[in-house]
Amino acid sequence: MDRPDAVVFRSRLLACLGGAWPELSPPAVRRLGDDLPGDGYRIERIAFETEPGDWVPACVLVPDGARNAPGIAVWHQHNGEYHLGKSEPAGLAGNPMHHTGAALAKAGFVVLCPDALCFEERQDPDGKLAGGNYERFQFLKYVVRGKCLAWKNILDMRRAVDVLAARPEVDGGRLGCYGHSMGSSHAWLVGPWEPRLRCVVGNCCLPTYRGIEREHLLHCFPNFIPGLAALGDTPDVAGLIAPRPLHLNFGSEDGGTPKADLDWSIARIGEWYQAAGAPEAFTHYVEAGSGHVLSPAMWQRTLTFFQHHLG
């Protein structure tokens, strides 16, 4: 399939996701308890309202003495660990490999780590469905409403950017986002719809629809956008971020990014950036022999990318 026209594809993608985003006032924010100490930063526990009555718990990591600092939103991974969300990148729980928000705060960035729907403090409030069953319920609920879970995720992430941009310590003109695994999907999903994000990084996870069907992959629900396969594929969504800088890390043996499609996916995104007149703004790194990980080399490229583009 040839690369689709950008204007047409963007319009049809929005229709596939579920239609226009609602017009909402700036999100309300409330503090949740006392700050927690970090290594050269403090952690504020907050919640912000994405839609009426829908509050998203989050951690804000603020470096000591931060003023007019760049801000980064970090979208957490899936990994079937529904008890974890914001707390892993915030460095409060989970795998130290993914304490990326804490590492960015130490490097001088103000970091916002929210819970995605169905994770940590956003599980079934009625306690009727647990873990993956609640996630499946939410996906199906949005489908029958003519939307999809990716639509809701993007809406929540755009509201998170609202919160990050309004922070008194943050320079709203220097914002970025990062995610690993499902968080990577979230990064390239929100990127086309959030122009305030100056740059985007995704680490592992760019499953093509043809790869999902060929290899019978049961991927996380945000990757499934109804009707999109007739118009394009996931690299085309990522390509809509052009001409803003995008960096993607991959492990050559990562089962979440079908190996047979990796070269095509990278080339496809490159076509979008070439067409936008910014071929140098898309960079990527494929680590031979690595799987679904954030390796030291991947992290160094991530940190260097943010330091270069956000200062």
C-alpha atoms as a PDB file:
ATOM      1  CA  MET A   1       0.000   0.000   0.000  1.00  0.00           C
ATOM      2  CA  ASP A   2       1.344   3.427  -0.960  1.00  0.00           C
ATOM      3  CA  ARG A   3       1.809   6.026   1.725  1.00  0.00           C
ATOM      4  CA  PRO A   4      -1.537   7.816   2.124  1.00  0.00           C
ATOM      5  CA  ASP A   5      -2.072  11.539   1.706  1.00  0.00           C
ATOM      6  CA  ALA A   6      -1.380  13.209   5.057  1.00  0.00           C
ATOM      7  CA  VAL A   7      -4.495  15.394   5.221  1.00  0.00           C
ATOM      8  CA  VAL A   8      -6.846  12.615   4.159  1.00  0.00           C
ATOM      9  CA  PHE A   9      -5.212  10.015   6.389  1.00  0.00           C
ATOM     10  CA  ARG A  10      -5.285  12.288   9.419  1.00  0.00           C
ATOM     11  CA  SER A  11      -8.995  12.966   8.945  1.00  0.00           C
ATOM     12  CA  ARG A  12      -9.837   9.294   8.461  1.00  0.00           C
ATOM     13  CA  LEU A  13      -7.642   8.257  11.390  1.00  0.00           C
ATOM     14  CA  LEU A  14      -9.579  10.585  13.670  1.00  0.00           C
ATOM     15  CA  ALA A  15     -12.836   9.048  12.456  1.00  0.00           C
ATOM     16  CA  CYS A  16     -11.477   5.547  13.115  1.00  0.00           C
ATOM     17  CA  LEU A  17     -10.368   6.527  16.599  1.00  0.00           C
ATOM     18  CA  GLY A  18     -13.824   7.781  17.455  1.00  0.00           C
ATOM     19  CA  GLY A  19     -14.200  11.333  16.230  1.00  0.00           C
ATOM     20  CA  ALA A  20     -13.302  14.782  17.448  1.00  0.00           C
ATOM     21  CA  TRP A  21     -12.011  15.387  20.955  1.00  0.00           C
ATOM     22  CA  PRO A  22     -14.490  17.085  23.288  1.00  0.00           C
ATOM     23  CA  GLU A  23     -14.131  20.781  24.043  1.00  0.00           C
ATOM     24  CA  LEU A  24     -13.103  20.903  27.688  1.00  0.00           C
ATOM     25  CA  SER A  25     -11.936  23.611  30.052  1.00  0.00           C
ATOM     26  CA  PRO A  26      -8.428  23.345  31.558  1.00  0.00           C
ATOM     27  CA  PRO A  27      -8.346  20.293  33.814  1.00  0.00           C
ATOM     28  CA  ALA A  28      -8.879  20.671  37.534  1.00  0.00           C
ATOM     29  CA  VAL A  29      -5.921  19.483  39.605  1.00  0.00           C
ATOM     30  CA  ARG A  30      -5.816  18.477  43.239  1.00  0.00           C
ATOM     31  CA  ARG A  31      -3.004  17.419  45.559  1.00  0.00           C
ATOM     32  CA  LEU A  32      -3.041  13.954  47.118  1.00  0.00           C
ATOM     33  CA  GLY A  33      -1.140  13.940  50.377  1.00  0.00           C
ATOM     34  CA  ASP A  34       2.354  15.118  51.194  1.00  0.00           C
ATOM     35  CA  ASP A  35       5.270  15.225  48.781  1.00  0.00           C
ATOM     36  CA  LEU A  36       7.709  12.337  48.723  1.00  0.00           C
ATOM     37  CA  PRO A  37      11.471  12.926  48.750  1.00  0.00           C
ATOM     38  CA  GLY A  38      13.619  11.885  45.783  1.00  0.00           C
ATOM     39  CA  ASP A  39      17.291  12.012  44.939  1.00  0.00           C
ATOM     40  CA  GLY A  40      17.608  15.647  43.899  1.00  0.00           C
ATOM     41  CA  TYR A  41      13.877  16.049  43.285  1.00  0.00           C
ATOM     42  CA  ARG A  42      10.541  15.841  45.058  1.00  0.00           C
ATOM     43  CA  ILE A  43       7.488  13.820  44.057  1.00  0.00           C
ATOM     44  CA  GLU A  44       4.099  15.497  44.168  1.00  0.00           C
ATOM     45  CA  ARG A  45       1.095  13.191  44.189  1.00  0.00           C
ATOM     46  CA  ILE A  46      -1.766  14.740  42.270  1.00  0.00           C
ATOM     47  CA  ALA A  47      -4.931  13.894  40.383  1.00  0.00           C
ATOM     48  CA  PHE A  48      -6.298  15.741  37.364  1.00  0.00           C
ATOM     49  CA  GLU A  49      -9.760  15.603  35.800  1.00  0.00           C
ATOM     50  CA  THR A  50      -9.768  14.490  32.165  1.00  0.00           C
ATOM     51  CA  GLU A  51     -13.534  14.390  31.717  1.00  0.00           C
ATOM     52  CA  PRO A  52     -16.235  15.322  34.230  1.00  0.00           C
ATOM     53  CA  GLY A  53     -15.834  12.949  37.164  1.00  0.00           C
ATOM     54  CA  ASP A  54     -12.861  11.069  35.669  1.00  0.00           C
ATOM     55  CA  TRP A  55      -9.797  11.770  37.804  1.00  0.00           C
ATOM     56  CA  VAL A  56      -6.338  10.522  36.832  1.00  0.00           C
ATOM     57  CA  PRO A  57      -3.829   9.956  39.648  1.00  0.00           C
ATOM     58  CA  ALA A  58      -0.301  10.979  38.718  1.00  0.00           C
ATOM     59  CA  CYS A  59       3.145  11.717  40.096  1.00  0.00           C
ATOM     60  CA  VAL A  60       4.996  14.919  39.285  1.00  0.00           C
ATOM     61  CA  LEU A  61       8.748  14.757  39.765  1.00  0.00           C
ATOM     62  CA  VAL A  62      10.197  18.236  40.285  1.00  0.00           C
ATOM     63  CA  PRO A  63      13.989  18.700  40.360  1.00  0.00           C
ATOM     64  CA  ASP A  64      15.324  20.798  43.229  1.00  0.00           C
ATOM     65  CA  GLY A  65      15.398  24.461  42.219  1.00  0.00           C
ATOM     66  CA  ALA A  66      13.599  23.841  38.910  1.00  0.00           C
ATOM     67  CA  ARG A  67      12.645  27.021  37.072  1.00  0.00           C
ATOM     68  CA  ASN A  68      11.626  27.360  33.406  1.00  0.00           C
ATOM     69  CA  ALA A  69      12.613  23.720  33.064  1.00  0.00           C
ATOM     70  CA  PRO A  70      11.721  21.406  30.174  1.00  0.00           C
ATOM     71  CA  GLY A  71       8.896  18.979  30.888  1.00  0.00           C
ATOM     72  CA  ILE A  72       8.454  15.354  29.873  1.00  0.00           C
ATOM     73  CA  ALA A  73       5.374  13.154  30.193  1.00  0.00           C
ATOM     74  CA  VAL A  74       6.220   9.482  30.716  1.00  0.00           C
ATOM     75  CA  TRP A  75       3.641   6.871  29.721  1.00  0.00           C
ATOM     76  CA  HIS A  76       4.118   3.603  31.615  1.00  0.00           C
ATOM     77  CA  GLN A  77       4.286   0.088  30.184  1.00  0.00           C
ATOM     78  CA  HIS A  78       1.655  -2.670  30.239  1.00  0.00           C
ATOM     79  CA  ASN A  79       3.419  -6.003  30.864  1.00  0.00           C
ATOM     80  CA  GLY A  80       0.215  -7.438  32.358  1.00  0.00           C
ATOM     81  CA  GLU A  81       1.089  -5.630  35.614  1.00  0.00           C
ATOM     82  CA  TYR A  82      -2.157  -3.853  36.342  1.00  0.00           C
ATOM     83  CA  HIS A  83      -1.057  -3.053  39.871  1.00  0.00           C
ATOM     84  CA  LEU A  84       1.686  -0.857  38.395  1.00  0.00           C
ATOM     85  CA  GLY A  85       1.230   2.358  36.475  1.00  0.00           C
ATOM     86  CA  LYS A  86       2.708   5.726  37.361  1.00  0.00           C
ATOM     87  CA  SER A  87       4.700   4.278  40.275  1.00  0.00           C
ATOM     88  CA  GLU A  88       7.147   2.404  38.046  1.00  0.00           C
ATOM     89  CA  PRO A  89       8.504   5.315  35.976  1.00  0.00           C
ATOM     90  CA  ALA A  90       8.334   7.480  39.114  1.00  0.00           C
ATOM     91  CA  GLY A  91      10.836   5.097  40.702  1.00  0.00           C
ATOM     92  CA  LEU A  92       8.518   4.002  43.507  1.00  0.00           C
ATOM     93  CA  ALA A  93       7.937   0.387  42.457  1.00  0.00           C
ATOM     94  CA  GLY A  94       8.533  -2.152  39.730  1.00  0.00           C
ATOM     95  CA  ASN A  95      11.595  -2.810  37.606  1.00  0.00           C
ATOM     96  CA  PRO A  96      14.502  -0.362  38.118  1.00  0.00           C
ATOM     97  CA  MET A  97      15.122  -0.591  34.355  1.00  0.00           C
ATOM     98  CA  HIS A  98      11.948   1.431  33.903  1.00  0.00           C
ATOM     99  CA  HIS A  99      12.458   4.065  36.598  1.00  0.00           C
ATOM    100  CA  THR A 100      12.812   6.468  33.696  1.00  0.00           C
ATOM    101  CA  GLY A 101      10.870   9.353  35.178  1.00  0.00           C
ATOM    102  CA  ALA A 102      13.193   9.379  38.165  1.00  0.00           C
ATOM    103  CA  ALA A 103      16.234   9.312  35.858  1.00  0.00           C
ATOM    104  CA  LEU A 104      14.867  12.229  33.827  1.00  0.00           C
ATOM    105  CA  ALA A 105      14.152  14.231  36.987  1.00  0.00           C
ATOM    106  CA  LYS A 106      17.746  13.696  38.103  1.00  0.00           C
ATOM    107  CA  ALA A 107      18.790  15.079  34.701  1.00  0.00           C
ATOM    108  CA  GLY A 108      16.819  18.283  35.322  1.00  0.00           C
ATOM    109  CA  PHE A 109      13.480  17.602  33.609  1.00  0.00           C
ATOM    110  CA  VAL A 110      10.114  18.083  35.306  1.00  0.00           C
ATOM    111  CA  VAL A 111       8.346  14.781  34.766  1.00  0.00           C
ATOM    112  CA  LEU A 112       4.655  13.851  34.832  1.00  0.00           C
ATOM    113  CA  CYS A 113       3.783  10.155  35.244  1.00  0.00           C
ATOM    114  CA  PRO A 114       0.025   9.433  35.068  1.00  0.00           C
ATOM    115  CA  ASP A 115      -1.889   6.179  35.440  1.00  0.00           C
ATOM    116  CA  ALA A 116      -3.391   4.869  32.202  1.00  0.00           C
ATOM    117  CA  LEU A 117      -6.976   3.667  32.367  1.00  0.00           C
ATOM    118  CA  CYS A 118      -7.147   0.166  33.939  1.00  0.00           C
ATOM    119  CA  PHE A 119      -3.805   0.476  35.766  1.00  0.00           C
ATOM    120  CA  GLU A 120      -2.779   1.054  39.388  1.00  0.00           C
ATOM    121  CA  GLU A 121      -5.374   3.451  40.842  1.00  0.00           C
ATOM    122  CA  ARG A 122      -7.591   3.367  37.728  1.00  0.00           C
ATOM    123  CA  GLN A 123      -8.808  -0.207  38.050  1.00  0.00           C
ATOM    124  CA  ASP A 124     -12.478  -1.149  38.403  1.00  0.00           C
ATOM    125  CA  PRO A 125     -13.829   1.134  41.169  1.00  0.00           C
ATOM    126  CA  ASP A 126     -16.653  -1.335  41.814  1.00  0.00           C
ATOM    127  CA  GLY A 127     -14.284  -4.289  42.121  1.00  0.00           C
ATOM    128  CA  LYS A 128     -16.361  -6.410  39.735  1.00  0.00           C
ATOM    129  CA  LEU A 129     -13.638  -7.025  37.152  1.00  0.00           C
ATOM    130  CA  ALA A 130      -9.932  -7.465  37.748  1.00  0.00           C
ATOM    131  CA  GLY A 131      -6.878  -6.868  35.593  1.00  0.00           C
ATOM    132  CA  GLY A 132      -7.249  -7.868  31.977  1.00  0.00           C
ATOM    133  CA  ASN A 133     -10.979  -8.414  32.286  1.00  0.00           C
ATOM    134  CA  TYR A 134     -11.508  -4.770  33.207  1.00  0.00           C
ATOM    135  CA  GLU A 135      -9.255  -3.680  30.357  1.00  0.00           C
ATOM    136  CA  ARG A 136     -11.237  -5.812  27.912  1.00  0.00           C
ATOM    137  CA  PHE A 137     -14.467  -4.352  29.315  1.00  0.00           C
ATOM    138  CA  GLN A 138     -13.221  -0.805  28.756  1.00  0.00           C
ATOM    139  CA  PHE A 139     -12.084  -1.592  25.205  1.00  0.00           C
ATOM    140  CA  LEU A 140     -15.466  -3.105  24.317  1.00  0.00           C
ATOM    141  CA  LYS A 141     -17.353  -0.264  26.011  1.00  0.00           C
ATOM    142  CA  TYR A 142     -15.657   2.278  23.792  1.00  0.00           C
ATOM    143  CA  VAL A 143     -16.100   0.153  20.659  1.00  0.00           C
ATOM    144  CA  VAL A 144     -19.864  -0.041  21.043  1.00  0.00           C
ATOM    145  CA  ARG A 145     -19.873   3.722  21.597  1.00  0.00           C
ATOM    146  CA  GLY A 146     -18.223   4.138  18.201  1.00  0.00           C
ATOM    147  CA  LYS A 147     -14.794   4.883  19.640  1.00  0.00           C
ATOM    148  CA  CYS A 148     -11.852   2.799  20.836  1.00  0.00           C
ATOM    149  CA  LEU A 149      -9.567   2.631  23.841  1.00  0.00           C
ATOM    150  CA  ALA A 150      -6.862   4.513  21.933  1.00  0.00           C
ATOM    151  CA  TRP A 151      -9.260   7.471  21.628  1.00  0.00           C
ATOM    152  CA  LYS A 152      -9.665   7.579  25.401  1.00  0.00           C
ATOM    153  CA  ASN A 153      -5.934   7.109  25.989  1.00  0.00           C
ATOM    154  CA  ILE A 154      -5.129   9.995  23.644  1.00  0.00           C
ATOM    155  CA  LEU A 155      -7.696  12.246  25.317  1.00  0.00           C
ATOM    156  CA  ASP A 156      -6.206  11.469  28.740  1.00  0.00           C
ATOM    157  CA  MET A 157      -2.673  12.094  27.480  1.00  0.00           C
ATOM    158  CA  ARG A 158      -3.626  15.431  25.946  1.00  0.00           C
ATOM    159  CA  ARG A 159      -5.078  16.438  29.312  1.00  0.00           C
ATOM    160  CA  ALA A 160      -1.821  15.324  30.935  1.00  0.00           C
ATOM    161  CA  VAL A 161       0.050  17.682  28.602  1.00  0.00           C
ATOM    162  CA  ASP A 162      -2.326  20.448  29.727  1.00  0.00           C
ATOM    163  CA  VAL A 163      -1.292  19.785  33.324  1.00  0.00           C
ATOM    164  CA  LEU A 164       2.420  19.571  32.531  1.00  0.00           C
ATOM    165  CA  ALA A 165       2.403  22.778  30.470  1.00  0.00           C
ATOM    166  CA  ALA A 166       0.670  24.675  33.289  1.00  0.00           C
ATOM    167  CA  ARG A 167       3.233  23.737  35.938  1.00  0.00           C
ATOM    168  CA  PRO A 168       4.946  26.854  37.334  1.00  0.00           C
ATOM    169  CA  GLU A 169       8.392  25.236  37.043  1.00  0.00           C
ATOM    170  CA  VAL A 170       7.918  24.262  33.386  1.00  0.00           C
ATOM    171  CA  ASP A 171       8.701  26.070  30.152  1.00  0.00           C
ATOM    172  CA  GLY A 172       5.593  25.200  28.163  1.00  0.00           C
ATOM    173  CA  GLY A 173       7.521  25.603  24.922  1.00  0.00           C
ATOM    174  CA  ARG A 174       9.858  22.723  25.790  1.00  0.00           C
ATOM    175  CA  LEU A 175       7.741  19.619  26.231  1.00  0.00           C
ATOM    176  CA  GLY A 176       8.303  16.014  25.193  1.00  0.00           C
ATOM    177  CA  CYS A 177       7.050  12.534  25.961  1.00  0.00           C
ATOM    178  CA  TYR A 178       8.525   9.061  26.368  1.00  0.00           C
ATOM    179  CA  GLY A 179       7.146   5.557  26.750  1.00  0.00           C
ATOM    180  CA  HIS A 180       8.234   1.935  26.782  1.00  0.00           C
ATOM    181  CA  SER A 181       6.136  -0.917  25.356  1.00  0.00           C
ATOM    182  CA  MET A 182       2.472   0.152  25.672  1.00  0.00           C
ATOM    183  CA  GLY A 183       3.893   3.508  26.677  1.00  0.00           C
ATOM    184  CA  SER A 184       5.680   3.619  23.324  1.00  0.00           C
ATOM    185  CA  SER A 185       2.382   2.987  21.549  1.00  0.00           C
ATOM    186  CA  HIS A 186       0.893   5.785  23.611  1.00  0.00           C
ATOM    187  CA  ALA A 187       3.752   8.095  22.591  1.00  0.00           C
ATOM    188  CA  TRP A 188       3.268   7.652  18.837  1.00  0.00           C
ATOM    189  CA  LEU A 189      -0.522   7.653  19.255  1.00  0.00           C
ATOM    190  CA  VAL A 190      -0.669  11.004  21.020  1.00  0.00           C
ATOM    191  CA  GLY A 191       2.154  12.628  19.032  1.00  0.00           C
ATOM    192  CA  PRO A 192       0.082  13.502  15.931  1.00  0.00           C
ATOM    193  CA  TRP A 193      -2.620  15.148  18.054  1.00  0.00           C
ATOM    194  CA  GLU A 194      -0.501  17.124  20.502  1.00  0.00           C
ATOM    195  CA  PRO A 195       1.575  19.809  18.765  1.00  0.00           C
ATOM    196  CA  ARG A 196       2.835  21.104  22.123  1.00  0.00           C
ATOM    197  CA  LEU A 197       5.043  18.025  22.293  1.00  0.00           C
ATOM    198  CA  ARG A 198       8.225  19.274  20.671  1.00  0.00           C
ATOM    199  CA  CYS A 199       9.699  15.767  20.481  1.00  0.00           C
ATOM    200  CA  VAL A 200       8.675  12.147  21.083  1.00  0.00           C
ATOM    201  CA  VAL A 201      10.548   8.972  22.038  1.00  0.00           C
ATOM    202  CA  GLY A 202       9.214   5.417  21.899  1.00  0.00           C
ATOM    203  CA  ASN A 203      11.094   2.402  23.216  1.00  0.00           C
ATOM    204  CA  CYS A 204      10.050  -1.007  21.820  1.00  0.00           C
ATOM    205  CA  CYS A 205       6.588  -1.528  20.381  1.00  0.00           C
ATOM    206  CA  LEU A 206       5.574  -0.706  16.839  1.00  0.00           C
ATOM    207  CA  PRO A 207       3.423  -3.678  15.853  1.00  0.00           C
ATOM    208  CA  THR A 208       2.116  -3.568  12.300  1.00  0.00           C
ATOM    209  CA  TYR A 209      -1.355  -4.872  11.583  1.00  0.00           C
ATOM    210  CA  ARG A 210      -0.032  -7.236   8.961  1.00  0.00           C
ATOM    211  CA  GLY A 211       2.452  -8.555  11.539  1.00  0.00           C
ATOM    212  CA  ILE A 212      -0.239  -8.918  14.192  1.00  0.00           C
ATOM    213  CA  GLU A 213      -2.408 -10.927  11.799  1.00  0.00           C
ATOM    214  CA  ARG A 214       0.457 -12.991  10.381  1.00  0.00           C
ATOM    215  CA  GLU A 215       1.849 -13.954  13.790  1.00  0.00           C
ATOM    216  CA  HIS A 216      -1.442 -13.983  15.731  1.00  0.00           C
ATOM    217  CA  LEU A 217      -0.204 -11.433  18.240  1.00  0.00           C
ATOM    218  CA  LEU A 218      -2.449 -10.601  21.173  1.00  0.00           C
ATOM    219  CA  HIS A 219      -1.217  -7.061  21.684  1.00  0.00           C
ATOM    220  CA  CYS A 220      -2.455  -4.462  24.157  1.00  0.00           C
ATOM    221  CA  PHE A 221      -5.739  -2.841  23.220  1.00  0.00           C
ATOM    222  CA  PRO A 222      -4.564   0.711  22.342  1.00  0.00           C
ATOM    223  CA  ASN A 223      -2.902  -0.737  19.234  1.00  0.00           C
ATOM    224  CA  PHE A 224      -6.257  -1.770  17.756  1.00  0.00           C
ATOM    225  CA  ILE A 225      -7.974   1.094  15.939  1.00  0.00           C
ATOM    226  CA  PRO A 226     -11.127  -0.059  14.105  1.00  0.00           C
ATOM    227  CA  GLY A 227     -10.981   0.393  10.335  1.00  0.00           C
ATOM    228  CA  LEU A 228      -7.387   1.628  10.223  1.00  0.00           C
ATOM    229  CA  ALA A 229      -5.953  -1.331   8.313  1.00  0.00           C
ATOM    230  CA  ALA A 230      -7.951  -0.349   5.234  1.00  0.00           C
ATOM    231  CA  LEU A 231      -6.250   3.062   5.229  1.00  0.00           C
ATOM    232  CA  GLY A 232      -2.701   2.449   6.405  1.00  0.00           C
ATOM    233  CA  ASP A 233      -0.749   0.924   9.253  1.00  0.00           C
ATOM    234  CA  THR A 234       0.745   1.883  12.591  1.00  0.00           C
ATOM    235  CA  PRO A 235       3.946   3.400  11.104  1.00  0.00           C
ATOM    236  CA  ASP A 236       1.673   5.783   9.202  1.00  0.00           C
ATOM    237  CA  VAL A 237       0.243   6.986  12.513  1.00  0.00           C
ATOM    238  CA  ALA A 238       3.751   7.599  13.838  1.00  0.00           C
ATOM    239  CA  GLY A 239       4.600   9.347  10.571  1.00  0.00           C
ATOM    240  CA  LEU A 240       2.002  12.020  11.268  1.00  0.00           C
ATOM    241  CA  ILE A 241       4.301  13.361  14.001  1.00  0.00           C
ATOM    242  CA  ALA A 242       6.512  14.754  11.217  1.00  0.00           C
ATOM    243  CA  PRO A 243       8.197  17.211  11.027  1.00  0.00           C
ATOM    244  CA  ARG A 244       8.668  17.242  14.830  1.00  0.00           C
ATOM    245  CA  PRO A 245      11.578  15.102  16.076  1.00  0.00           C
ATOM    246  CA  LEU A 246      10.814  11.435  16.729  1.00  0.00           C
ATOM    247  CA  HIS A 247      13.217   8.767  17.996  1.00  0.00           C
ATOM    248  CA  LEU A 248      12.387   5.062  18.249  1.00  0.00           C
ATOM    249  CA  ASN A 249      14.443   2.307  19.896  1.00  0.00           C
ATOM    250  CA  PHE A 250      14.001  -1.352  18.992  1.00  0.00           C
ATOM    251  CA  GLY A 251      15.422  -4.696  20.015  1.00  0.00           C
ATOM    252  CA  SER A 252      15.971  -6.855  16.951  1.00  0.00           C
ATOM    253  CA  GLU A 253      14.464  -9.856  18.775  1.00  0.00           C
ATOM    254  CA  ASP A 254      11.511  -8.034  20.338  1.00  0.00           C
ATOM    255  CA  GLY A 255       8.409 -10.137  19.805  1.00  0.00           C
ATOM    256  CA  GLY A 256       6.208  -7.080  20.327  1.00  0.00           C
ATOM    257  CA  THR A 257       7.568  -5.522  17.135  1.00  0.00           C
ATOM    258  CA  PRO A 258       7.409  -8.201  14.419  1.00  0.00           C
ATOM    259  CA  LYS A 259      10.947  -8.658  13.135  1.00  0.00           C
ATOM    260  CA  ALA A 260       9.870  -9.270   9.555  1.00  0.00           C
ATOM    261  CA  ASP A 261       8.263  -5.818   9.395  1.00  0.00           C
ATOM    262  CA  LEU A 262      10.846  -3.741  11.239  1.00  0.00           C
ATOM    263  CA  ASP A 263      12.819  -2.530   8.220  1.00  0.00           C
ATOM    264  CA  TRP A 264       9.605  -1.671   6.376  1.00  0.00           C
ATOM    265  CA  SER A 265       8.211   0.198   9.398  1.00  0.00           C
ATOM    266  CA  ILE A 266      11.352   2.307   9.751  1.00  0.00           C
ATOM    267  CA  ALA A 267      11.412   3.054   6.035  1.00  0.00           C
ATOM    268  CA  ARG A 268       7.724   3.952   6.048  1.00  0.00           C
ATOM    269  CA  ILE A 269       8.136   6.505   8.829  1.00  0.00           C
ATOM    270  CA  GLY A 270      11.138   7.828   6.953  1.00  0.00           C
ATOM    271  CA  GLU A 271       8.903   8.443   3.920  1.00  0.00           C
ATOM    272  CA  TRP A 272       6.618  10.648   6.022  1.00  0.00           C
ATOM    273  CA  TYR A 273       9.550  12.675   7.306  1.00  0.00           C
ATOM    274  CA  GLN A 274      11.014  12.970   3.822  1.00  0.00           C
ATOM    275  CA  ALA A 275       7.675  14.231   2.530  1.00  0.00           C
ATOM    276  CA  ALA A 276       7.532  16.767   5.382  1.00  0.00           C
ATOM    277  CA  GLY A 277      10.969  18.085   4.419  1.00  0.00           C
ATOM    278  CA  ALA A 278      12.563  16.937   7.683  1.00  0.00           C
ATOM    279  CA  PRO A 279      14.255  13.559   7.051  1.00  0.00           C
ATOM    280  CA  GLU A 280      16.845  14.236   9.755  1.00  0.00           C
ATOM    281  CA  ALA A 281      14.138  14.672  12.427  1.00  0.00           C
ATOM    282  CA  PHE A 282      13.358  10.931  12.511  1.00  0.00           C
ATOM    283  CA  THR A 283      16.026   8.789  14.135  1.00  0.00           C
ATOM    284  CA  HIS A 284      16.043   5.189  15.232  1.00  0.00           C
ATOM    285  CA  TYR A 285      18.253   2.604  16.895  1.00  0.00           C
ATOM    286  CA  VAL A 286      17.975  -1.166  16.471  1.00  0.00           C
ATOM    287  CA  GLU A 287      19.979  -3.156  18.995  1.00  0.00           C
ATOM    288  CA  ALA A 288      21.060  -6.516  17.612  1.00  0.00           C
ATOM    289  CA  GLY A 289      20.200  -9.467  19.833  1.00  0.00           C
ATOM    290  CA  SER A 290      18.069  -7.489  22.280  1.00  0.00           C
ATOM    291  CA  GLY A 291      14.445  -8.148  23.069  1.00  0.00           C
ATOM    292  CA  HIS A 292      11.723  -6.141  24.796  1.00  0.00           C
ATOM    293  CA  VAL A 293      14.026  -4.129  27.045  1.00  0.00           C
ATOM    294  CA  LEU A 294      15.362  -0.671  27.759  1.00  0.00           C
ATOM    295  CA  SER A 295      19.079  -1.306  27.423  1.00  0.00           C
ATOM    296  CA  PRO A 296      21.778   1.136  28.573  1.00  0.00           C
ATOM    297  CA  ALA A 297      22.433   2.078  24.940  1.00  0.00           C
ATOM    298  CA  MET A 298      18.730   2.679  24.314  1.00  0.00           C
ATOM    299  CA  TRP A 299      18.486   4.848  27.409  1.00  0.00           C
ATOM    300  CA  GLN A 300      21.570   6.863  26.503  1.00  0.00           C
ATOM    301  CA  ARG A 301      20.100   7.629  23.090  1.00  0.00           C
ATOM    302  CA  THR A 302      16.824   8.615  24.739  1.00  0.00           C
ATOM    303  CA  LEU A 303      18.454  10.962  27.218  1.00  0.00           C
ATOM    304  CA  THR A 304      20.735  12.506  24.589  1.00  0.00           C
ATOM    305  CA  PHE A 305      17.735  13.065  22.300  1.00  0.00           C
ATOM    306  CA  PHE A 306      15.813  14.937  24.986  1.00  0.00           C
ATOM    307  CA  GLN A 307      18.828  16.978  26.027  1.00  0.00           C
ATOM    308  CA  HIS A 308      19.382  17.997  22.417  1.00  0.00           C
ATOM    309  CA  HIS A 309      15.806  18.887  21.555  1.00  0.00           C
ATOM    310  CA  LEU A 310      14.586  20.260  24.880  1.00  0.00           C
ATOM    311  CA  GLY A 311      17.813  21.721  26.247  1.00  0.00           C
END
